[in-house]
C-alpha atoms as a PDB file:
ATOM      1  CA  MET A   1       0.158  -0.023   0.011  1.00  0.00           C
ATOM      2  CA  THR A   2       1.452   3.377  -1.062  1.00  0.00           C
ATOM      3  CA  VAL A   3       1.333   6.174   1.492  1.00  0.00           C
ATOM      4  CA  SER A   4       0.918   9.551   0.276  1.00  0.00           C
ATOM      5  CA  PRO A   5       2.979  12.248   2.065  1.00  0.00           C
ATOM      6  CA  ILE A   6       1.290  15.386   3.414  1.00  0.00           C
ATOM      7  CA  THR A   7       1.270  18.074   0.797  1.00  0.00           C
ATOM      8  CA  SER A   8       2.282  21.729   1.242  1.00  0.00           C
ATOM      9  CA  LYS A   9      -1.339  22.880   1.027  1.00  0.00           C
ATOM     10  CA  GLN A  10      -2.599  20.474   3.687  1.00  0.00           C
ATOM     11  CA  LYS A  11       0.475  21.327   5.883  1.00  0.00           C
ATOM     12  CA  VAL A  12      -0.917  25.015   5.762  1.00  0.00           C
ATOM     13  CA  ALA A  13      -4.588  23.731   6.251  1.00  0.00           C
ATOM     14  CA  LEU A  14      -3.484  21.927   9.358  1.00  0.00           C
ATOM     15  CA  ASP A  15      -1.398  24.770  10.759  1.00  0.00           C
ATOM     16  CA  LYS A  16      -4.546  27.051  10.334  1.00  0.00           C
ATOM     17  CA  LEU A  17      -6.657  24.458  12.085  1.00  0.00           C
ATOM     18  CA  LEU A  18      -4.327  24.120  15.088  1.00  0.00           C
ATOM     19  CA  SER A  19      -3.823  27.858  15.296  1.00  0.00           C
ATOM     20  CA  ARG A  20      -7.559  28.392  15.624  1.00  0.00           C
ATOM     21  CA  ALA A  21      -7.784  25.765  18.253  1.00  0.00           C
ATOM     22  CA  ARG A  22      -4.878  27.385  20.117  1.00  0.00           C
ATOM     23  CA  LYS A  23      -6.526  30.673  20.069  1.00  0.00           C
ATOM     24  CA  GLY A  24      -9.799  29.405  21.228  1.00  0.00           C
ATOM     25  CA  ALA A  25      -8.377  27.535  24.112  1.00  0.00           C
ATOM     26  CA  GLU A  26      -6.315  30.438  25.205  1.00  0.00           C
ATOM     27  CA  LYS A  27      -9.054  32.766  25.146  1.00  0.00           C
ATOM     28  CA  GLY A  28      -9.460  34.546  28.479  1.00  0.00           C
ATOM     29  CA  LYS A  29      -6.529  32.613  30.035  1.00  0.00           C
ATOM     30  CA  ILE A  30      -4.026  34.486  32.249  1.00  0.00           C
ATOM     31  CA  SER A  31      -0.271  33.793  32.962  1.00  0.00           C
ATOM     32  CA  GLU A  32      -1.001  31.550  35.803  1.00  0.00           C
ATOM     33  CA  ASP A  33      -3.189  29.124  33.699  1.00  0.00           C
ATOM     34  CA  LEU A  34      -0.486  28.929  31.042  1.00  0.00           C
ATOM     35  CA  GLN A  35       2.075  28.135  33.684  1.00  0.00           C
ATOM     36  CA  ARG A  36       0.154  25.298  34.848  1.00  0.00           C
ATOM     37  CA  LEU A  37      -0.111  23.950  31.411  1.00  0.00           C
ATOM     38  CA  PHE A  38       3.724  24.380  30.864  1.00  0.00           C
ATOM     39  CA  ALA A  39       4.237  22.440  34.092  1.00  0.00           C
ATOM     40  CA  ARG A  40       2.118  19.595  32.975  1.00  0.00           C
ATOM     41  CA  GLY A  41       3.681  19.508  29.416  1.00  0.00           C
ATOM     42  CA  GLY A  42       4.184  15.895  29.290  1.00  0.00           C
ATOM     43  CA  GLU A  43       0.573  15.047  29.969  1.00  0.00           C
ATOM     44  CA  PHE A  44      -0.471  17.767  27.387  1.00  0.00           C
ATOM     45  CA  GLU A  45       1.526  16.273  24.710  1.00  0.00           C
ATOM     46  CA  ASP A  46       0.344  12.729  25.365  1.00  0.00           C
ATOM     47  CA  ALA A  47      -3.234  14.049  25.252  1.00  0.00           C
ATOM     48  CA  TYR A  48      -2.643  15.886  22.081  1.00  0.00           C
ATOM     49  CA  VAL A  49      -1.174  12.766  20.457  1.00  0.00           C
ATOM     50  CA  ALA A  50      -4.121  10.552  21.488  1.00  0.00           C
ATOM     51  CA  LEU A  51      -6.809  13.299  20.382  1.00  0.00           C
ATOM     52  CA  PHE A  52      -4.911  13.535  16.980  1.00  0.00           C
ATOM     53  CA  ASN A  53      -4.898   9.986  16.488  1.00  0.00           C
ATOM     54  CA  ARG A  54      -8.505   9.608  17.240  1.00  0.00           C
ATOM     55  CA  PHE A  55      -9.639  12.197  14.824  1.00  0.00           C
ATOM     56  CA  THR A  56      -7.402  11.015  11.812  1.00  0.00           C
ATOM     57  CA  ALA A  57      -8.275   7.342  12.389  1.00  0.00           C
ATOM     58  CA  LYS A  58     -10.078   5.710   9.344  1.00  0.00           C
ATOM     59  CA  LEU A  59     -13.919   5.641  10.331  1.00  0.00           C
ATOM     60  CA  PRO A  60     -15.375   2.079  10.399  1.00  0.00           C
ATOM     61  CA  ASP A  61     -17.792   1.250   7.605  1.00  0.00           C
ATOM     62  CA  TYR A  62     -21.107   0.454   9.341  1.00  0.00           C
ATOM     63  CA  MET A  63     -23.357   0.967   6.368  1.00  0.00           C
ATOM     64  CA  LEU A  64     -24.801  -2.644   6.319  1.00  0.00           C
ATOM     65  CA  ALA A  65     -25.441  -2.703  10.296  1.00  0.00           C
ATOM     66  CA  LYS A  66     -27.211   0.677  10.100  1.00  0.00           C
ATOM     67  CA  SER A  67     -29.248  -0.075   7.047  1.00  0.00           C
ATOM     68  CA  ILE A  68     -30.527  -3.543   8.699  1.00  0.00           C
ATOM     69  CA  LEU A  69     -30.856  -2.180  12.482  1.00  0.00           C
ATOM     70  CA  GLY A  70     -31.419   1.442  11.845  1.00  0.00           C
ATOM     71  CA  GLY A  71     -31.507   3.398  15.038  1.00  0.00           C
ATOM     72  CA  ASP A  72     -31.082   0.058  17.066  1.00  0.00           C
ATOM     73  CA  PHE A  73     -27.488   0.134  16.150  1.00  0.00           C
ATOM     74  CA  ILE A  74     -25.070   2.464  17.999  1.00  0.00           C
ATOM     75  CA  THR A  75     -21.430   2.988  17.461  1.00  0.00           C
ATOM     76  CA  ALA A  76     -18.669   3.946  19.743  1.00  0.00           C
ATOM     77  CA  GLU A  77     -18.255   7.112  17.891  1.00  0.00           C
ATOM     78  CA  GLU A  78     -22.059   8.108  18.843  1.00  0.00           C
ATOM     79  CA  ILE A  79     -21.342   6.954  22.411  1.00  0.00           C
ATOM     80  CA  MET A  80     -18.355   9.226  22.657  1.00  0.00           C
ATOM     81  CA  VAL A  81     -20.296  12.209  21.597  1.00  0.00           C
ATOM     82  CA  ALA A  82     -23.308  11.575  24.040  1.00  0.00           C
ATOM     83  CA  ARG A  83     -21.155  10.554  26.851  1.00  0.00           C
ATOM     84  CA  PRO A  84     -18.152  12.719  26.908  1.00  0.00           C
ATOM     85  CA  GLY A  85     -16.378  10.774  29.842  1.00  0.00           C
ATOM     86  CA  VAL A  86     -16.405   7.575  27.885  1.00  0.00           C
ATOM     87  CA  VAL A  87     -13.446   7.227  25.336  1.00  0.00           C
ATOM     88  CA  TYR A  88     -12.808   4.546  23.052  1.00  0.00           C
ATOM     89  CA  SER A  89      -9.179   4.212  21.603  1.00  0.00           C
ATOM     90  CA  PRO A  90      -8.296   3.970  18.008  1.00  0.00           C
ATOM     91  CA  GLU A  91      -7.406   0.457  18.482  1.00  0.00           C
ATOM     92  CA  GLN A  92     -10.705  -0.467  20.219  1.00  0.00           C
ATOM     93  CA  ILE A  93     -12.659   1.124  17.347  1.00  0.00           C
ATOM     94  CA  GLU A  94     -10.738  -0.794  14.925  1.00  0.00           C
ATOM     95  CA  GLN A  95     -11.214  -4.158  16.834  1.00  0.00           C
ATOM     96  CA  LEU A  96     -14.988  -3.354  16.996  1.00  0.00           C
ATOM     97  CA  ALA A  97     -15.266  -2.748  13.221  1.00  0.00           C
ATOM     98  CA  SER A  98     -13.436  -6.067  12.402  1.00  0.00           C
ATOM     99  CA  THR A  99     -15.682  -7.997  14.813  1.00  0.00           C
ATOM    100  CA  LEU A 100     -19.205  -6.717  13.654  1.00  0.00           C
ATOM    101  CA  PRO A 101     -21.477  -9.567  13.585  1.00  0.00           C
ATOM    102  CA  SER A 102     -22.232 -11.051  10.200  1.00  0.00           C
ATOM    103  CA  GLU A 103     -25.376  -9.982   8.123  1.00  0.00           C
ATOM    104  CA  ASP A 104     -27.329 -13.184   9.033  1.00  0.00           C
ATOM    105  CA  VAL A 105     -26.737 -12.218  12.597  1.00  0.00           C
ATOM    106  CA  LEU A 106     -27.661  -8.693  12.240  1.00  0.00           C
ATOM    107  CA  ARG A 107     -30.820  -9.746  10.576  1.00  0.00           C
ATOM    108  CA  SER A 108     -31.666 -12.057  13.370  1.00  0.00           C
ATOM    109  CA  LEU A 109     -31.072  -9.199  15.870  1.00  0.00           C
ATOM    110  CA  LYS A 110     -33.412  -7.109  14.063  1.00  0.00           C
ATOM    111  CA  SER A 111     -36.137  -9.576  13.970  1.00  0.00           C
ATOM    112  CA  GLY A 112     -35.761 -10.556  17.509  1.00  0.00           C
ATOM    113  CA  GLY A 113     -36.043  -6.880  18.683  1.00  0.00           C
ATOM    114  CA  TYR A 114     -32.571  -6.399  19.840  1.00  0.00           C
ATOM    115  CA  GLY A 115     -30.221  -3.209  20.034  1.00  0.00           C
ATOM    116  CA  LEU A 116     -26.644  -3.326  19.343  1.00  0.00           C
ATOM    117  CA  MET A 117     -23.910  -1.346  20.844  1.00  0.00           C
ATOM    118  CA  PRO A 118     -20.375  -1.627  22.031  1.00  0.00           C
ATOM    119  CA  GLN A 119     -19.446  -2.688  25.642  1.00  0.00           C
ATOM    120  CA  PRO A 120     -17.779  -0.010  27.559  1.00  0.00           C
ATOM    121  CA  PRO A 121     -14.106   0.608  26.706  1.00  0.00           C
ATOM    122  CA  SER A 122     -13.102  -0.895  29.972  1.00  0.00           C
ATOM    123  CA  ALA A 123     -14.808  -3.505  32.424  1.00  0.00           C
ATOM    124  CA  PHE A 124     -17.654  -1.516  34.209  1.00  0.00           C
ATOM    125  CA  SER A 125     -19.557  -2.595  37.417  1.00  0.00           C
ATOM    126  CA  LEU A 126     -23.065  -1.683  38.054  1.00  0.00           C
ATOM    127  CA  LEU A 127     -21.623   1.173  40.207  1.00  0.00           C
ATOM    128  CA  ASP A 128     -18.956   2.150  37.542  1.00  0.00           C
ATOM    129  CA  VAL A 129     -22.059   2.552  34.971  1.00  0.00           C
ATOM    130  CA  ARG A 130     -23.863   4.728  37.682  1.00  0.00           C
ATOM    131  CA  ALA A 131     -20.849   6.823  38.392  1.00  0.00           C
ATOM    132  CA  ILE A 132     -20.816   8.062  34.650  1.00  0.00           C
ATOM    133  CA  GLU A 133     -24.121  10.051  35.136  1.00  0.00           C
ATOM    134  CA  ALA A 134     -25.438   9.407  38.502  1.00  0.00           C
ATOM    135  CA  PRO A 135     -28.851  11.372  37.888  1.00  0.00           C
ATOM    136  CA  LEU A 136     -29.829   8.713  35.146  1.00  0.00           C
ATOM    137  CA  PHE A 137     -30.355   6.333  38.294  1.00  0.00           C
ATOM    138  CA  TYR A 138     -33.365   6.371  40.894  1.00  0.00           C
ATOM    139  CA  THR A 139     -30.823   6.044  43.559  1.00  0.00           C
ATOM    140  CA  PRO A 140     -27.821   8.163  42.390  1.00  0.00           C
ATOM    141  CA  THR A 141     -25.917   7.424  45.484  1.00  0.00           C
ATOM    142  CA  GLY A 142     -25.949   4.996  48.300  1.00  0.00           C
ATOM    143  CA  GLY A 143     -28.943   2.763  47.953  1.00  0.00           C
ATOM    144  CA  TRP A 144     -29.262  -1.002  49.063  1.00  0.00           C
ATOM    145  CA  TYR A 145     -27.242  -2.479  46.632  1.00  0.00           C
ATOM    146  CA  GLU A 146     -24.174  -0.061  46.961  1.00  0.00           C
ATOM    147  CA  LYS A 147     -22.421  -2.447  49.333  1.00  0.00           C
ATOM    148  CA  GLN A 148     -23.859  -5.744  47.834  1.00  0.00           C
ATOM    149  CA  LEU A 149     -20.889  -7.734  46.168  1.00  0.00           C
ATOM    150  CA  PHE A 150     -22.524  -8.180  42.866  1.00  0.00           C
ATOM    151  CA  ALA A 151     -22.806  -4.373  42.358  1.00  0.00           C
ATOM    152  CA  SER A 152     -18.915  -3.814  42.388  1.00  0.00           C
ATOM    153  CA  THR A 153     -17.611  -7.241  41.148  1.00  0.00           C
ATOM    154  CA  ASN A 154     -19.753  -8.339  38.412  1.00  0.00           C
ATOM    155  CA  LYS A 155     -18.537  -6.203  35.313  1.00  0.00           C
ATOM    156  CA  THR A 156     -19.290  -5.813  31.590  1.00  0.00           C
ATOM    157  CA  GLY A 157     -17.317  -7.707  28.907  1.00  0.00           C
ATOM    158  CA  ALA A 158     -15.520  -6.503  25.703  1.00  0.00           C
ATOM    159  CA  GLY A 159     -16.630  -5.967  22.182  1.00  0.00           C
ATOM    160  CA  TRP A 160     -20.512  -5.927  21.033  1.00  0.00           C
ATOM    161  CA  LEU A 161     -23.483  -6.103  23.381  1.00  0.00           C
ATOM    162  CA  ALA A 162     -26.727  -7.136  21.914  1.00  0.00           C
ATOM    163  CA  ILE A 163     -29.666  -6.749  24.344  1.00  0.00           C
ATOM    164  CA  ARG A 164     -33.253  -7.419  23.564  1.00  0.00           C
ATOM    165  CA  LYS A 165     -35.164  -4.022  24.032  1.00  0.00           C
ATOM    166  CA  THR A 166     -38.281  -5.716  25.650  1.00  0.00           C
ATOM    167  CA  PRO A 167     -38.616  -8.628  28.189  1.00  0.00           C
ATOM    168  CA  VAL A 168     -38.170 -12.111  26.601  1.00  0.00           C
ATOM    169  CA  ASN A 169     -41.744 -12.737  25.049  1.00  0.00           C
ATOM    170  CA  GLY A 170     -44.153 -14.412  27.545  1.00  0.00           C
ATOM    171  CA  SER A 171     -41.636 -13.826  30.486  1.00  0.00           C
ATOM    172  CA  THR A 172     -43.721 -11.665  32.923  1.00  0.00           C
ATOM    173  CA  ASN A 173     -45.761 -13.418  35.696  1.00  0.00           C
ATOM    174  CA  LYS A 174     -43.448 -16.128  35.795  1.00  0.00           C
ATOM    175  CA  SER A 175     -40.594 -17.455  38.149  1.00  0.00           C
ATOM    176  CA  TRP A 176     -37.013 -17.253  37.406  1.00  0.00           C
ATOM    177  CA  GLU A 177     -36.995 -20.975  36.578  1.00  0.00           C
ATOM    178  CA  GLU A 178     -40.149 -20.795  34.398  1.00  0.00           C
ATOM    179  CA  GLN A 179     -38.501 -17.746  32.671  1.00  0.00           C
ATOM    180  CA  ASN A 180     -35.263 -19.350  31.624  1.00  0.00           C
ATOM    181  CA  LYS A 181     -36.955 -22.017  29.927  1.00  0.00           C
ATOM    182  CA  LEU A 182     -38.241 -19.408  27.324  1.00  0.00           C
ATOM    183  CA  LEU A 183     -34.526 -18.640  26.402  1.00  0.00           C
ATOM    184  CA  SER A 184     -33.284 -19.892  22.993  1.00  0.00           C
ATOM    185  CA  GLY A 185     -29.963 -21.587  22.572  1.00  0.00           C
ATOM    186  CA  PHE A 186     -28.621 -18.142  21.337  1.00  0.00           C
ATOM    187  CA  GLU A 187     -29.719 -16.226  24.432  1.00  0.00           C
ATOM    188  CA  ILE A 188     -28.186 -15.539  27.827  1.00  0.00           C
ATOM    189  CA  VAL A 189     -29.119 -13.517  30.582  1.00  0.00           C
ATOM    190  CA  PRO A 190     -27.232 -10.353  30.907  1.00  0.00           C
ATOM    191  CA  SER A 191     -25.628  -8.803  34.151  1.00  0.00           C
ATOM    192  CA  ALA A 192     -27.226  -5.720  35.713  1.00  0.00           C
ATOM    193  CA  ALA A 193     -23.897  -3.796  34.845  1.00  0.00           C
ATOM    194  CA  GLU A 194     -24.464  -4.633  31.131  1.00  0.00           C
ATOM    195  CA  MET A 195     -28.311  -3.974  31.427  1.00  0.00           C
ATOM    196  CA  SER A 196     -27.642  -0.517  33.063  1.00  0.00           C
ATOM    197  CA  TRP A 197     -24.994   0.231  30.504  1.00  0.00           C
ATOM    198  CA  PHE A 198     -27.219  -0.550  27.447  1.00  0.00           C
ATOM    199  CA  ILE A 199     -30.256   1.087  28.805  1.00  0.00           C
ATOM    200  CA  THR A 200     -28.584   4.460  29.881  1.00  0.00           C
ATOM    201  CA  THR A 201     -26.493   4.518  26.788  1.00  0.00           C
ATOM    202  CA  PHE A 202     -29.401   3.952  24.618  1.00  0.00           C
ATOM    203  CA  TYR A 203     -31.295   6.805  26.285  1.00  0.00           C
ATOM    204  CA  LYS A 204     -28.153   9.142  25.827  1.00  0.00           C
ATOM    205  CA  VAL A 205     -27.598   8.486  22.340  1.00  0.00           C
ATOM    206  CA  ARG A 206     -31.303   7.870  21.032  1.00  0.00           C
ATOM    207  CA  GLY A 207     -33.532   9.794  23.596  1.00  0.00           C
ATOM    208  CA  ILE A 208     -35.716   6.760  24.163  1.00  0.00           C
ATOM    209  CA  ARG A 209     -36.329   5.225  27.486  1.00  0.00           C
ATOM    210  CA  LEU A 210     -36.459   1.382  27.202  1.00  0.00           C
ATOM    211  CA  PHE A 211     -37.940  -0.514  30.145  1.00  0.00           C
ATOM    212  CA  GLU A 212     -39.852   2.351  31.110  1.00  0.00           C
ATOM    213  CA  LYS A 213     -42.748   0.384  32.683  1.00  0.00           C
ATOM    214  CA  VAL A 214     -41.239  -2.903  33.313  1.00  0.00           C
ATOM    215  CA  TYR A 215     -38.496  -4.666  35.319  1.00  0.00           C
ATOM    216  CA  VAL A 216     -36.269  -7.548  33.881  1.00  0.00           C
ATOM    217  CA  ARG A 217     -34.329 -10.276  35.953  1.00  0.00           C
ATOM    218  CA  CYS A 218     -30.551 -10.257  35.357  1.00  0.00           C
ATOM    219  CA  SER A 219     -28.030 -12.724  36.197  1.00  0.00           C
ATOM    220  CA  ASP A 220     -26.687 -11.231  39.434  1.00  0.00           C
ATOM    221  CA  ILE A 221     -27.619 -12.604  42.698  1.00  0.00           C
ATOM    222  CA  ASP A 222     -27.840 -10.477  45.805  1.00  0.00           C
ATOM    223  CA  SER A 223     -26.535 -11.607  49.475  1.00  0.00           C
ATOM    224  CA  GLY A 224     -30.069 -13.067  49.997  1.00  0.00           C
ATOM    225  CA  GLY A 225     -29.948 -15.444  46.943  1.00  0.00           C
ATOM    226  CA  SER A 226     -32.428 -13.651  44.667  1.00  0.00           C
ATOM    227  CA  HIS A 227     -31.789 -12.488  41.362  1.00  0.00           C
ATOM    228  CA  VAL A 228     -31.291  -8.736  40.817  1.00  0.00           C
ATOM    229  CA  ASP A 229     -33.900  -6.729  38.685  1.00  0.00           C
ATOM    230  CA  VAL A 230     -33.399  -3.715  36.617  1.00  0.00           C
ATOM    231  CA  GLY A 231     -35.834  -1.190  34.938  1.00  0.00           C
ATOM    232  CA  LEU A 232     -38.924   1.029  35.514  1.00  0.00           C
ATOM    233  CA  PHE A 233     -36.593   3.432  33.653  1.00  0.00           C
ATOM    234  CA  ASP A 234     -38.921   6.441  33.823  1.00  0.00           C
ATOM    235  CA  VAL A 235     -38.386  10.319  34.582  1.00  0.00           C
ATOM    236  CA  TRP A 236     -37.353   9.442  38.099  1.00  0.00           C
ATOM    237  CA  GLY A 237     -34.358   7.295  36.776  1.00  0.00           C
ATOM    238  CA  LEU A 238     -33.338   3.747  36.325  1.00  0.00           C
ATOM    239  CA  ASP A 239     -34.329   1.397  39.416  1.00  0.00           C
ATOM    240  CA  VAL A 240     -32.366  -1.538  40.707  1.00  0.00           C
ATOM    241  CA  PHE A 241     -34.062  -4.193  43.155  1.00  0.00           C
ATOM    242  CA  SER A 242     -34.417  -7.829  43.645  1.00  0.00           C
ATOM    243  CA  SER A 243     -37.137 -10.339  44.110  1.00  0.00           C
ATOM    244  CA  TRP A 244     -37.422 -13.891  45.224  1.00  0.00           C
ATOM    245  CA  ASP A 245     -36.929 -16.240  42.320  1.00  0.00           C
ATOM    246  CA  SER A 246     -40.323 -17.795  43.066  1.00  0.00           C
ATOM    247  CA  LYS A 247     -42.221 -14.467  42.820  1.00  0.00           C
ATOM    248  CA  ARG A 248     -44.591 -13.982  39.633  1.00  0.00           C
ATOM    249  CA  LEU A 249     -45.376 -10.515  38.867  1.00  0.00           C
ATOM    250  CA  ALA A 250     -46.908  -8.798  36.062  1.00  0.00           C
ATOM    251  CA  PHE A 251     -44.263  -6.108  35.782  1.00  0.00           C
ATOM    252  CA  LEU A 252     -41.422  -8.388  36.063  1.00  0.00           C
ATOM    253  CA  GLY A 253     -39.839 -10.407  32.996  1.00  0.00           C
ATOM    254  CA  LEU A 254     -36.516 -11.476  31.920  1.00  0.00           C
ATOM    255  CA  ALA A 255     -33.578  -9.786  30.340  1.00  0.00           C
ATOM    256  CA  SER A 256     -31.994 -11.260  27.387  1.00  0.00           C
ATOM    257  CA  ALA A 257     -28.697 -10.855  25.556  1.00  0.00           C
ATOM    258  CA  ARG A 258     -27.479 -12.427  22.325  1.00  0.00           C
ATOM    259  CA  LYS A 259     -24.685 -14.748  22.123  1.00  0.00           C
ATOM    260  CA  PHE A 260     -22.068 -14.245  19.269  1.00  0.00           C
END
């Protein structure tokens, strides 16, 4: 592959771009501010290189996924815009692009009512997800689950995450054992961390509240031996609670994630 060197016109354009950016950053700054910048010069250089690499990286081609899933497909780039504290590296974006599910899987996700998005750039627990934007949770601090082991140790995975946007069909008004019999061989029950990441991220990117009037059981187990439930994501925020596995409730279904 032949690499074309930067041209003189491109160099001039780059210099102008950097000059405008620098003037915008320096606007209103005083000498003491710049002294702090100079003192952290190494960190600044590293951050500049990372930002430069991010914006010069070749964007993945997601045309097929978007044509099949439409708004139910969310990219890492969209997440970084909607959730500024979440940053994927160019290497992670490249890895996501190279591991995008096949066309057959994408079509099965569409027919099954799934949404598809990247997992977080690093392994997040339920508490980590809440910390990104606490007001999105019914209990932004504290809460019964804050000191529960599952909330800090059960974490998200890597790669793509496909979650059904509604409870498993026919899973409400059933016990945990009865609900699990409804899963296909391609489905697993996601963790509360994965569900909370999926639900809050879908809202931040698409502005849509999933599981607004229903809870779904997740794979996590609390200290009392009951499975953890996530949902009721209304204007008051995403709620987390647990219920006995034997309970059958009209507003409690089962969460489902697609195996790859």
